[in-house]
């Protein structure tokens, strides 16, 4: 259960076989630290907190008889404040996977998830309350967390805590408890009330409610009856996302906010239709609806996507895990450089266990980063004129990341050519950095080697070896996996077009461009860029391309 996820954050080996303990802790990592944010699970953690507060004597901040661990503003509330955010963010940020409450609080502050005032206030409160807890337990060695219920007992406790006057102790304790409650309440705040300024929204029964139709019309929906019918279908569980009672309960609370967000788009009716398609394609709704309740800005963003970018909305419905990316605090404020993208993908690929898992990781990475570019364009953060370069950076990072994986896969069977060099040339929209979300990749593969064959268990002749390497790279980029497609690859711009070899030697590439290249082929070379492979080969390829362009017959070009 989810409270066990929170408890296991602190798990560490204490006795026995350390290797067995380490294997166990590694095996439960995916259970504790989930990459995809699970706000339905977090709401369950919140419900545990509410159950604790429901116990007698824990309903208010007090001094006499107050439980400093489980009561309002107590130690457990600080731990919930920290652990809930660890569970939410730790799947994507390993620096938050710390056992100690204060250490984790410092990490949350360092990561920008918690403000300095909250971190400092909660740290001081935690140390004070822990000290008080220890003092209470030192009296007659009692295992207790509850303050005395009479004034004399409070006076004794104040003295034990180092206060000359009980009133000073009372004031300090109340200040600490109220500080904890203040910051905790911000994190555990409830969802907004149902209803809207325009009027009531009732979607029960089988017929349209006249007042609801009037409210929908005031909100800007032209076909209010159709909207009411579709929403009633959601509430009746006619789509997979709302078949559970829990999902329908959450949807009921969210309906005013959902409809309100859709009315703020350029065309509320079109946005509603697209949002319905998005919702209808989801396998489950509990996670999404819980996410909307926890992150109000996310609902506005999804509504904007539904109203402006049906392709992105369709992408979201097919890959709900991409929703996690929207919660990144920098998702809408910046785009990683090509170098940063390469570094991020390399880190993901290094964690992949096997070739197939590496292909899946590359697809998840490309999908998330391309989605990020698209959303920034929709939101007006990224000018459309700069989107081509951003999409190209994603594609280049994927090619640069997958090439070593493919080379290693080929080498495991056929070895390597000791002096061999291989380069990938980008042409077309990728070469010109003018890609769109749907662009294919125009690629040319060049190699250079003196060795006649590879040195592996199953050696291959030079020309066959590099053809095999090129084909494996194309397959890595185009194969449909469980994570879906990655890119389409177009090889028609290679020397001799579809009739030519998949990978071309540097000498053949030079010879073709000197003697046989058509004018349109020389024009296509104006966009050619070396983007992956052997750096030593890049300069020679670049010189060959420059010479081919320079030698073009001006009259033929005209």
Protein backbone atom coordinates (compact mmCIF):
# COMPACT_ATOMS: atom_id res chain seq x y z
CA UNK A 1 0.00 0.00 0.00
CA UNK A 2 1.05 3.59 -0.44
CA UNK A 3 1.84 4.23 3.22
CA UNK A 4 4.36 1.40 2.82
CA UNK A 5 5.97 3.24 -0.09
CA UNK A 6 6.47 6.21 2.24
CA UNK A 7 7.79 3.98 5.04
CA UNK A 8 10.26 2.20 2.75
CA UNK A 9 11.96 5.52 1.90
CA UNK A 10 13.83 5.07 5.18
CA UNK A 11 14.68 1.37 4.69
CA UNK A 12 18.35 0.43 5.19
CA UNK A 13 20.31 -2.73 6.05
CA UNK A 14 20.63 -3.24 9.82
CA UNK A 15 21.80 -6.84 10.29
CA UNK A 16 22.44 -10.07 8.43
CA UNK A 17 23.65 -10.52 4.86
CA UNK A 18 24.44 -7.04 3.41
CA UNK A 19 24.42 -8.34 -0.19
CA UNK A 20 20.95 -9.84 0.22
CA UNK A 21 19.78 -6.58 1.79
CA UNK A 22 21.24 -4.58 -1.10
CA UNK A 23 19.51 -6.83 -3.66
CA UNK A 24 16.20 -6.43 -1.86
CA UNK A 25 16.49 -2.64 -1.65
CA UNK A 26 17.38 -2.44 -5.34
CA UNK A 27 14.42 -4.65 -6.26
CA UNK A 28 11.93 -2.38 -4.44
CA UNK A 29 13.31 0.84 -5.96
CA UNK A 30 10.74 0.84 -8.82
CA UNK A 31 7.95 0.37 -6.26
CA UNK A 32 9.04 3.38 -4.19
CA UNK A 33 10.40 5.68 -6.89
CA UNK A 34 7.97 5.63 -9.78
CA UNK A 35 9.03 7.49 -12.90
CA UNK A 36 5.44 8.30 -13.81
CA UNK A 37 3.86 10.60 -11.22
CA UNK A 38 1.02 8.91 -9.42
CA UNK A 39 -1.21 11.53 -7.85
CA UNK A 40 -3.93 8.96 -7.13
CA UNK A 41 -1.41 7.25 -4.87
CA UNK A 42 -0.45 10.57 -3.33
CA UNK A 43 -4.10 11.29 -2.56
CA UNK A 44 -4.14 7.99 -0.65
CA UNK A 45 -1.18 9.26 1.39
CA UNK A 46 -3.21 12.41 2.06
CA UNK A 47 -6.14 10.29 3.23
CA UNK A 48 -3.89 8.54 5.77
CA UNK A 49 -3.02 11.98 7.13
CA UNK A 50 -6.71 12.83 7.42
CA UNK A 51 -7.33 9.53 9.24
CA UNK A 52 -4.61 10.39 11.74
CA UNK A 53 -6.23 13.77 12.36
CA UNK A 54 -9.62 12.11 12.87
CA UNK A 55 -8.43 10.43 16.08
CA UNK A 56 -9.74 11.97 19.32
CA UNK A 57 -7.59 14.76 20.70
CA UNK A 58 -5.79 15.40 17.39
CA UNK A 59 -8.26 17.81 15.88
CA UNK A 60 -6.66 21.10 16.94
CA UNK A 61 -3.35 22.68 17.85
CA UNK A 62 -3.04 22.65 21.66
CA UNK A 63 -0.57 22.25 24.53
CA UNK A 64 -2.14 20.15 27.32
CA UNK A 65 -2.51 16.57 26.15
CA UNK A 66 -1.25 17.32 22.64
CA UNK A 67 0.44 14.47 20.73
CA UNK A 68 3.68 15.98 19.39
CA UNK A 69 4.11 13.15 16.89
CA UNK A 70 0.66 12.48 15.42
CA UNK A 71 -1.24 15.64 16.40
CA UNK A 72 -1.80 18.75 14.33
CA UNK A 73 1.45 20.47 13.48
CA UNK A 74 3.40 17.49 14.81
CA UNK A 75 6.38 15.41 13.69
CA UNK A 76 4.33 13.16 11.43
CA UNK A 77 2.99 16.20 9.56
CA UNK A 78 6.55 17.30 8.77
CA UNK A 79 7.40 13.79 7.61
CA UNK A 80 4.32 13.72 5.38
CA UNK A 81 5.28 17.11 3.97
CA UNK A 82 8.70 15.74 3.00
CA UNK A 83 7.85 12.16 2.05
CA UNK A 84 4.88 13.07 -0.14
CA UNK A 85 7.10 15.29 -2.28
CA UNK A 86 9.82 12.64 -2.31
CA UNK A 87 7.30 10.13 -3.68
CA UNK A 88 6.02 12.61 -6.27
CA UNK A 89 9.40 13.87 -7.49
CA UNK A 90 11.93 11.19 -6.54
CA UNK A 91 11.20 8.99 -9.55
CA UNK A 92 12.65 11.67 -11.82
CA UNK A 93 15.14 13.25 -9.40
CA UNK A 94 17.45 10.72 -7.68
CA UNK A 95 18.91 13.47 -5.42
CA UNK A 96 15.67 13.36 -3.40
CA UNK A 97 16.02 9.66 -2.51
CA UNK A 98 17.32 10.28 1.00
CA UNK A 99 16.37 8.50 4.23
CA UNK A 100 16.68 11.38 6.67
CA UNK A 101 13.79 13.82 6.95
CA UNK A 102 15.99 16.91 7.32
CA UNK A 103 18.42 15.77 4.62
CA UNK A 104 15.49 15.26 2.24
CA UNK A 105 14.09 18.67 3.18
CA UNK A 106 17.45 20.26 2.31
CA UNK A 107 17.43 18.40 -1.03
CA UNK A 108 13.91 19.66 -1.79
CA UNK A 109 15.06 23.19 -1.07
CA UNK A 110 18.18 22.77 -3.22
CA UNK A 111 16.01 21.50 -6.08
CA UNK A 112 13.71 24.51 -5.89
CA UNK A 113 10.71 22.46 -4.77
CA UNK A 114 10.47 24.03 -1.29
CA UNK A 115 11.06 27.68 -0.41
CA UNK A 116 13.71 28.81 2.06
CA UNK A 117 11.11 29.99 4.57
CA UNK A 118 9.34 26.60 4.58
CA UNK A 119 12.59 24.62 4.77
CA UNK A 120 14.00 26.70 7.63
CA UNK A 121 10.73 26.86 9.56
CA UNK A 122 10.08 23.12 9.29
CA UNK A 123 13.69 22.26 10.15
CA UNK A 124 13.57 24.32 13.36
CA UNK A 125 10.17 22.85 14.24
CA UNK A 126 11.36 19.29 13.59
CA UNK A 127 14.39 19.65 15.85
CA UNK A 128 12.32 21.28 18.58
CA UNK A 129 9.59 18.63 18.46
CA UNK A 130 12.04 15.73 18.35
CA UNK A 131 13.84 17.15 21.39
CA UNK A 132 10.49 17.52 23.17
CA UNK A 133 9.55 13.94 22.23
CA UNK A 134 12.82 12.66 23.72
CA UNK A 135 12.27 14.62 26.93
CA UNK A 136 8.73 13.21 27.31
CA UNK A 137 10.04 9.67 26.86
CA UNK A 138 12.86 10.19 29.39
CA UNK A 139 10.30 10.71 32.16
CA UNK A 140 9.94 7.27 33.75
CA UNK A 141 11.16 5.70 30.45
CA UNK A 142 7.70 5.96 28.92
CA UNK A 143 7.11 5.29 25.21
CA UNK A 144 4.89 8.32 24.76
CA UNK A 145 4.45 11.31 22.48
CA UNK A 146 1.75 13.07 24.50
CA UNK A 147 2.22 16.16 26.64
CA UNK A 148 0.91 16.17 30.22
CA UNK A 149 -2.76 17.10 30.56
CA UNK A 150 -2.38 19.34 33.62
CA UNK A 151 -0.66 22.67 34.26
CA UNK A 152 1.86 21.20 36.74
CA UNK A 153 2.97 18.60 34.20
CA UNK A 154 3.42 21.32 31.55
CA UNK A 155 5.51 23.32 34.04
CA UNK A 156 7.77 20.29 34.65
CA UNK A 157 8.12 19.70 30.88
CA UNK A 158 8.97 23.36 30.29
CA UNK A 159 11.68 23.16 32.95
CA UNK A 160 13.05 19.94 31.39
CA UNK A 161 13.16 21.74 27.99
CA UNK A 162 15.20 24.54 29.54
CA UNK A 163 12.51 27.23 29.93
CA UNK A 164 12.40 29.24 33.18
CA UNK A 165 8.73 30.08 32.67
CA UNK A 166 6.04 27.68 31.33
CA UNK A 167 4.47 30.53 29.33
CA UNK A 168 7.63 30.90 27.26
CA UNK A 169 7.56 27.17 26.52
CA UNK A 170 3.87 27.31 25.64
CA UNK A 171 4.44 30.21 23.24
CA UNK A 172 7.39 28.49 21.54
CA UNK A 173 5.52 25.19 21.19
CA UNK A 174 2.42 26.87 19.74
CA UNK A 175 4.59 28.84 17.32
CA UNK A 176 6.27 25.63 16.10
CA UNK A 177 2.99 23.70 15.75
CA UNK A 178 1.32 26.55 13.88
CA UNK A 179 4.36 26.91 11.59
CA UNK A 180 4.15 23.24 10.64
CA UNK A 181 0.41 23.42 10.11
CA UNK A 182 0.72 26.54 7.96
CA UNK A 183 3.20 25.02 5.52
CA UNK A 184 1.55 21.61 5.60
CA UNK A 185 -1.89 23.03 4.80
CA UNK A 186 -0.51 24.60 1.62
CA UNK A 187 0.68 21.20 0.43
CA UNK A 188 -2.47 19.32 1.45
CA UNK A 189 -4.99 21.93 0.41
CA UNK A 190 -8.35 20.62 -0.77
CA UNK A 191 -9.81 20.85 -4.29
CA UNK A 192 -11.98 23.87 -5.11
CA UNK A 193 -15.69 23.69 -4.39
CA UNK A 194 -18.10 22.43 -7.04
CA UNK A 195 -20.06 24.98 -9.03
CA UNK A 196 -19.41 27.91 -11.33
CA UNK A 197 -20.18 31.63 -11.34
CA UNK A 198 -22.52 31.18 -14.32
CA UNK A 199 -24.80 28.72 -12.50
CA UNK A 200 -25.23 25.07 -11.60
CA UNK A 201 -23.89 22.11 -13.57
CA UNK A 202 -25.90 18.91 -13.09
CA UNK A 203 -25.16 15.88 -15.26
CA UNK A 204 -27.17 13.17 -13.51
CA UNK A 205 -30.17 11.32 -14.93
CA UNK A 206 -30.86 10.76 -18.61
CA UNK A 207 -32.34 14.09 -19.71
CA UNK A 208 -30.90 17.59 -20.03
CA UNK A 209 -31.25 19.82 -17.01
CA UNK A 210 -32.58 23.22 -18.24
CA UNK A 211 -30.48 25.22 -15.80
CA UNK A 212 -27.35 23.30 -16.81
CA UNK A 213 -28.02 24.03 -20.51
CA UNK A 214 -28.39 27.71 -19.65
CA UNK A 215 -25.12 27.64 -17.70
CA UNK A 216 -23.27 25.93 -20.59
CA UNK A 217 -24.58 28.51 -23.04
CA UNK A 218 -23.41 31.34 -20.79
CA UNK A 219 -19.99 29.69 -20.65
CA UNK A 220 -19.70 29.88 -24.45
CA UNK A 221 -20.69 26.41 -25.69
CA UNK A 222 -22.82 26.73 -28.86
CA UNK A 223 -24.32 23.23 -28.69
CA UNK A 224 -25.03 23.00 -24.97
CA UNK A 225 -27.24 19.92 -25.35
CA UNK A 226 -24.45 17.96 -27.07
CA UNK A 227 -21.96 18.97 -24.36
CA UNK A 228 -24.41 17.88 -21.63
CA UNK A 229 -25.04 14.53 -23.38
CA UNK A 230 -21.32 13.77 -23.73
CA UNK A 231 -20.58 14.72 -20.12
CA UNK A 232 -23.46 12.52 -18.90
CA UNK A 233 -21.89 9.70 -20.88
CA UNK A 234 -18.63 10.28 -19.01
CA UNK A 235 -20.49 10.17 -15.69
CA UNK A 236 -22.29 6.97 -16.70
CA UNK A 237 -18.98 5.22 -17.38
CA UNK A 238 -19.38 4.95 -21.15
CA UNK A 239 -15.65 5.48 -21.68
CA UNK A 240 -12.83 3.46 -20.12
CA UNK A 241 -11.48 6.46 -18.21
CA UNK A 242 -14.65 6.75 -16.10
CA UNK A 243 -15.62 3.13 -15.51
CA UNK A 244 -14.44 3.09 -11.90
CA UNK A 245 -16.46 4.72 -9.13
CA UNK A 246 -13.36 6.59 -7.98
CA UNK A 247 -12.77 8.16 -11.40
CA UNK A 248 -16.42 9.31 -11.62
CA UNK A 249 -16.19 10.79 -8.12
CA UNK A 250 -13.11 12.79 -9.09
CA UNK A 251 -14.69 13.82 -12.39
CA UNK A 252 -17.75 15.19 -10.58
CA UNK A 253 -15.53 17.45 -8.49
CA UNK A 254 -13.55 18.55 -11.53
CA UNK A 255 -16.34 19.22 -14.07
CA UNK A 256 -16.69 22.97 -13.35
CA UNK A 257 -12.91 23.40 -13.62
CA UNK A 258 -12.68 21.31 -16.82
CA UNK A 259 -15.47 23.18 -18.58
CA UNK A 260 -14.14 26.49 -17.32
CA UNK A 261 -10.68 25.75 -18.72
CA UNK A 262 -12.14 24.76 -22.12
CA UNK A 263 -14.14 28.01 -22.34
CA UNK A 264 -10.91 30.01 -22.05
CA UNK A 265 -9.59 28.59 -25.36
CA UNK A 266 -10.08 30.23 -28.75
CA UNK A 267 -12.88 27.83 -29.71
CA UNK A 268 -14.51 26.14 -26.68
CA UNK A 269 -16.62 23.82 -28.86
CA UNK A 270 -13.66 22.48 -30.83
CA UNK A 271 -11.65 22.22 -27.63
CA UNK A 272 -14.43 20.21 -25.98
CA UNK A 273 -14.64 17.77 -28.91
CA UNK A 274 -10.87 17.25 -28.85
CA UNK A 275 -10.84 16.89 -25.07
CA UNK A 276 -13.55 14.22 -25.41
CA UNK A 277 -11.37 12.32 -27.91
CA UNK A 278 -8.40 12.66 -25.58
CA UNK A 279 -10.40 11.40 -22.59
CA UNK A 280 -12.01 8.57 -24.57
CA UNK A 281 -8.61 7.17 -25.57
CA UNK A 282 -7.30 6.98 -22.01
CA UNK A 283 -7.19 3.50 -20.42
CA UNK A 284 -7.95 4.96 -16.98
CA UNK A 285 -9.01 8.30 -15.56
CA UNK A 286 -8.16 8.16 -11.87
CA UNK A 287 -4.52 9.14 -12.38
CA UNK A 288 -5.35 12.02 -14.72
CA UNK A 289 -8.20 13.42 -12.63
CA UNK A 290 -6.09 13.19 -9.47
CA UNK A 291 -3.32 14.97 -11.34
CA UNK A 292 -5.70 17.75 -12.38
CA UNK A 293 -6.76 18.23 -8.76
CA UNK A 294 -3.16 18.35 -7.56
CA UNK A 295 -1.87 20.60 -10.37
CA UNK A 296 -4.46 23.18 -11.41
CA UNK A 297 -2.19 24.71 -14.06
CA UNK A 298 -1.96 21.36 -15.83
CA UNK A 299 -5.71 21.36 -16.60
CA UNK A 300 -5.44 24.80 -18.19
CA UNK A 301 -2.50 23.61 -20.31
CA UNK A 302 -4.29 20.43 -21.45
CA UNK A 303 -7.34 22.50 -22.38
CA UNK A 304 -5.13 24.85 -24.38
CA UNK A 305 -3.54 21.89 -26.19
CA UNK A 306 -6.99 20.43 -26.93
CA UNK A 307 -8.15 23.76 -28.33
CA UNK A 308 -5.06 24.54 -30.39
CA UNK A 309 -3.13 21.36 -31.23
CA UNK A 310 -5.17 18.21 -31.92
CA UNK A 311 -2.00 16.30 -32.87
CA UNK A 312 -0.46 16.96 -29.45
CA UNK A 313 -3.73 16.04 -27.75
CA UNK A 314 -3.80 12.76 -29.68
CA UNK A 315 -0.21 12.15 -28.66
CA UNK A 316 -1.15 12.69 -25.01
CA UNK A 317 -4.04 10.24 -25.20
CA UNK A 318 -1.79 7.54 -26.64
CA UNK A 319 1.08 8.19 -24.25
CA UNK A 320 -0.32 9.38 -20.89
CA UNK A 321 3.13 9.03 -19.32
CA UNK A 322 4.13 12.18 -21.21
CA UNK A 323 1.94 14.10 -18.75
CA UNK A 324 4.83 13.80 -16.29
CA UNK A 325 6.91 16.09 -18.47
CA UNK A 326 4.33 18.87 -18.13
CA UNK A 327 5.03 19.00 -14.39
CA UNK A 328 8.70 19.83 -14.83
CA UNK A 329 9.17 23.39 -13.52
CA UNK A 330 11.30 24.27 -16.59
CA UNK A 331 9.04 22.53 -19.12
CA UNK A 332 7.58 25.80 -20.44
CA UNK A 333 10.48 28.13 -19.76
CA UNK A 334 13.46 26.67 -21.62
CA UNK A 335 14.63 24.06 -24.10
CA UNK A 336 17.78 21.99 -23.53
CA UNK A 337 20.68 22.56 -25.91
CA UNK A 338 21.71 19.80 -28.31
CA UNK A 339 24.58 18.93 -25.97
CA UNK A 340 22.25 18.74 -22.98
CA UNK A 341 19.86 16.51 -24.94
CA UNK A 342 22.69 14.17 -25.88
CA UNK A 343 23.79 14.03 -22.25
CA UNK A 344 20.24 13.29 -21.02
CA UNK A 345 19.72 10.52 -23.56
CA UNK A 346 23.13 8.99 -22.84
CA UNK A 347 22.19 8.81 -19.16
CA UNK A 348 18.94 7.01 -20.00
CA UNK A 349 20.64 4.62 -22.42
CA UNK A 350 23.32 3.77 -19.84
CA UNK A 351 20.58 2.50 -17.51
CA UNK A 352 18.96 0.34 -20.22
CA UNK A 353 19.42 -3.39 -19.81
CA UNK A 354 19.86 -4.72 -23.32
CA UNK A 355 19.35 -3.52 -26.87
CA UNK A 356 15.53 -3.58 -26.91
CA UNK A 357 15.31 -1.54 -23.71
CA UNK A 358 17.69 1.03 -25.22
CA UNK A 359 15.38 1.43 -28.24
CA UNK A 360 12.40 1.93 -25.90
CA UNK A 361 14.34 4.52 -23.88
CA UNK A 362 15.23 6.44 -27.05
CA UNK A 363 11.57 6.52 -28.11
CA UNK A 364 10.39 7.76 -24.73
CA UNK A 365 13.06 10.46 -24.79
CA UNK A 366 12.25 11.64 -28.34
CA UNK A 367 8.51 11.63 -27.67
CA UNK A 368 8.84 13.67 -24.48
CA UNK A 369 11.24 16.22 -25.97
CA UNK A 370 9.25 16.66 -29.20
CA UNK A 371 6.09 17.07 -27.14
CA UNK A 372 7.88 19.73 -25.13
CA UNK A 373 8.73 21.66 -28.28
CA UNK A 374 5.15 21.41 -29.55
CA UNK A 375 3.63 22.62 -26.29
CA UNK A 376 6.01 25.58 -26.10
CA UNK A 377 4.94 26.59 -29.61
CA UNK A 378 1.25 26.28 -28.66
CA UNK A 379 1.82 28.35 -25.52
CA UNK A 380 3.69 31.03 -27.46
CA UNK A 381 6.89 30.52 -25.46
CA UNK A 382 8.82 29.27 -28.49
CA UNK A 383 8.40 31.15 -31.80
CA UNK A 384 7.28 28.81 -34.59
CA UNK A 385 10.31 29.97 -36.60
CA UNK A 386 12.61 28.37 -34.01
CA UNK A 387 10.73 25.08 -33.72
CA UNK A 388 12.58 23.54 -36.69
CA UNK A 389 15.93 23.87 -34.94
CA UNK A 390 14.48 22.44 -31.70
CA UNK A 391 12.99 19.39 -33.47
CA UNK A 392 16.30 18.89 -35.31
CA UNK A 393 18.22 18.97 -32.01
CA UNK A 394 16.01 16.16 -30.69
CA UNK A 395 16.55 14.05 -33.83
CA UNK A 396 20.31 14.63 -33.78
CA UNK A 397 20.52 13.67 -30.11
CA UNK A 398 18.67 10.42 -30.81
CA UNK A 399 20.93 9.53 -33.77
CA UNK A 400 24.07 10.41 -31.80
CA UNK A 401 22.83 8.39 -28.83
CA UNK A 402 21.73 5.28 -30.73
CA UNK A 403 24.76 5.02 -33.03
CA UNK A 404 27.14 3.74 -30.29
CA UNK A 405 24.43 1.31 -29.12
CA UNK A 406 24.07 -0.08 -32.65
CA UNK A 407 27.85 -0.19 -33.16
CA UNK A 408 28.22 -2.18 -29.96
CA UNK A 409 25.49 -4.57 -31.06
CA UNK A 410 27.18 -5.21 -34.44
CA UNK A 411 30.61 -5.50 -32.80
CA UNK A 412 29.35 -8.16 -30.38
CA UNK A 413 28.91 -10.50 -33.34
CA UNK A 414 31.23 -9.28 -36.08
CA UNK A 415 33.86 -7.31 -34.19
CA UNK A 416 35.25 -4.01 -35.51
CA UNK A 417 37.46 -2.74 -38.32
CA UNK A 418 40.57 -1.59 -36.49
CA UNK A 419 41.05 1.60 -38.52
CA UNK A 420 37.40 2.08 -39.50
CA UNK A 421 35.53 5.37 -39.32
CA UNK A 422 31.80 5.99 -39.82
CA UNK A 423 29.77 9.21 -40.16
CA UNK A 424 26.11 10.13 -40.47
CA UNK A 425 25.22 13.04 -42.76
CA UNK A 426 21.91 14.86 -42.26
CA UNK A 427 20.21 16.12 -45.40
CA UNK A 428 16.88 17.77 -46.18
CA UNK A 429 14.90 19.32 -43.34
CA UNK A 430 17.12 17.76 -40.68
CA UNK A 431 20.23 19.09 -42.39
CA UNK A 432 18.67 22.54 -42.78
CA UNK A 433 17.30 22.47 -39.20
CA UNK A 434 13.79 23.06 -40.55
CA UNK A 435 12.09 19.97 -39.17
CA UNK A 436 8.45 19.68 -38.11
CA UNK A 437 6.94 17.20 -35.67
CA UNK A 438 6.16 14.87 -38.62
CA UNK A 439 9.36 15.22 -40.68
CA UNK A 440 11.26 12.14 -41.76
CA UNK A 441 15.05 11.94 -41.65
CA UNK A 442 17.05 12.28 -44.87
CA UNK A 443 20.33 10.53 -44.10
CA UNK A 444 23.53 9.50 -45.87
CA UNK A 445 26.11 7.13 -44.33
CA UNK A 446 29.82 7.45 -45.11
CA UNK A 447 32.66 5.15 -44.00
CA UNK A 448 36.42 4.98 -44.42
CA UNK A 449 38.61 1.97 -43.61
CA UNK A 450 41.74 0.19 -44.87
CA UNK A 451 41.11 -3.15 -43.17
CA UNK A 452 39.57 -5.73 -45.50
CA UNK A 453 37.29 -7.29 -42.89
CA UNK A 454 36.21 -7.05 -39.25
CA UNK A 455 37.94 -8.94 -36.44
CA UNK A 456 34.95 -10.62 -34.70
CA UNK A 457 33.82 -14.21 -34.26
CA UNK A 458 31.82 -13.81 -37.48
CA UNK A 459 33.95 -11.42 -39.54
CA UNK A 460 32.43 -9.45 -42.41
CA UNK A 461 34.02 -7.83 -45.47
CA UNK A 462 34.39 -4.06 -45.15
CA UNK A 463 31.55 -3.12 -47.52
CA UNK A 464 29.16 -5.67 -45.96
CA UNK A 465 30.13 -4.63 -42.41
CA UNK A 466 29.23 -0.98 -42.92
CA UNK A 467 26.08 -1.86 -44.86
CA UNK A 468 25.05 -4.01 -41.89
CA UNK A 469 25.85 -1.17 -39.46
CA UNK A 470 23.82 1.35 -41.52
CA UNK A 471 20.87 -1.02 -41.81
CA UNK A 472 20.89 -1.68 -38.05
CA UNK A 473 20.89 2.07 -37.37
CA UNK A 474 17.97 2.60 -39.77
CA UNK A 475 16.13 -0.24 -38.06
CA UNK A 476 16.84 1.26 -34.61
CA UNK A 477 15.29 4.53 -35.79
CA UNK A 478 12.27 3.11 -37.63
CA UNK A 479 11.21 -0.14 -35.93
CA UNK A 480 7.81 -0.09 -34.26
CA UNK A 481 8.22 -1.10 -30.60
CA UNK A 482 5.90 -1.14 -27.61
CA UNK A 483 6.70 2.57 -27.19
CA UNK A 484 5.62 3.25 -30.78
CA UNK A 485 7.54 4.57 -33.81
CA UNK A 486 10.50 6.93 -33.66
CA UNK A 487 11.29 8.39 -37.11
CA UNK A 488 10.88 7.49 -40.76
CA UNK A 489 14.21 7.43 -42.64
CA UNK A 490 14.61 8.46 -46.29
CA UNK A 491 17.81 7.29 -48.02
CA UNK A 492 17.06 8.53 -51.55
CA UNK A 493 19.61 11.35 -51.33
CA UNK A 494 22.57 8.97 -51.09
CA UNK A 495 24.81 8.59 -54.18
CA UNK A 496 22.93 6.75 -56.95
CA UNK A 497 19.70 7.05 -54.94
CA UNK A 498 17.78 3.86 -54.16
CA UNK A 499 20.09 1.88 -56.47
CA UNK A 500 23.21 2.75 -54.48
CA UNK A 501 24.64 0.97 -51.43
CA UNK A 502 23.19 1.90 -48.03
CA UNK A 503 26.61 3.01 -46.76
CA UNK A 504 29.12 4.62 -49.16
CA UNK A 505 32.90 4.75 -48.81
CA UNK A 506 34.50 8.18 -48.59
CA UNK A 507 36.36 7.58 -51.88
CA UNK A 508 33.14 6.58 -53.69
CA UNK A 509 31.35 9.61 -52.23
CA UNK A 510 34.11 11.92 -53.52
CA UNK A 511 34.21 10.26 -56.94
CA UNK A 512 30.43 10.38 -57.41
CA UNK A 513 30.21 14.07 -56.53
CA UNK A 514 33.15 14.92 -58.79
CA UNK A 515 31.87 13.11 -61.88
CA UNK A 516 28.31 11.75 -61.67
CA UNK A 517 26.22 13.99 -59.36
CA UNK A 518 23.16 15.65 -60.89
CA UNK A 519 22.55 19.35 -60.40
CA UNK A 520 19.66 18.69 -57.98
CA UNK A 521 21.99 16.46 -55.95
CA UNK A 522 24.50 19.28 -55.65
CA UNK A 523 21.65 21.57 -54.54
CA UNK A 524 20.64 19.06 -51.87
CA UNK A 525 24.21 19.10 -50.53
CA UNK A 526 23.77 22.76 -49.49
CA UNK A 527 21.86 21.42 -46.47
CA UNK A 528 24.22 18.54 -45.69
CA UNK A 529 25.68 18.40 -42.15
CA UNK A 530 27.76 15.74 -40.41
CA UNK A 531 25.90 15.00 -37.14
CA UNK A 532 27.15 11.72 -35.67
CA UNK A 533 30.02 9.26 -35.81
CA UNK A 534 33.76 9.68 -36.14
CA UNK A 535 34.92 13.26 -35.59
CA UNK A 536 38.09 12.53 -37.59
CA UNK A 537 35.94 11.74 -40.62
CA UNK A 538 33.76 14.84 -40.29
CA UNK A 539 36.33 17.30 -41.68
CA UNK A 540 37.05 15.14 -44.74
CA UNK A 541 33.35 14.72 -45.50
CA UNK A 542 32.76 18.45 -45.01
CA UNK A 543 35.59 19.29 -47.46
CA UNK A 544 34.14 16.87 -50.02
CA UNK A 545 30.69 18.45 -49.71
CA UNK A 546 32.08 21.98 -49.99
CA UNK A 547 34.08 21.04 -53.10
CA UNK A 548 31.01 19.45 -54.73
CA UNK A 549 28.94 22.58 -54.17
CA UNK A 550 31.71 24.87 -55.39
CA UNK A 551 32.26 22.85 -58.56
CA UNK A 552 28.61 23.03 -59.69
CA UNK A 553 28.14 24.32 -63.27
CA UNK A 554 26.57 27.78 -62.89
CA UNK A 555 24.73 27.56 -66.21
CA UNK A 556 23.24 24.19 -65.30
CA UNK A 557 22.17 25.52 -61.92
CA UNK A 558 20.45 28.50 -63.62
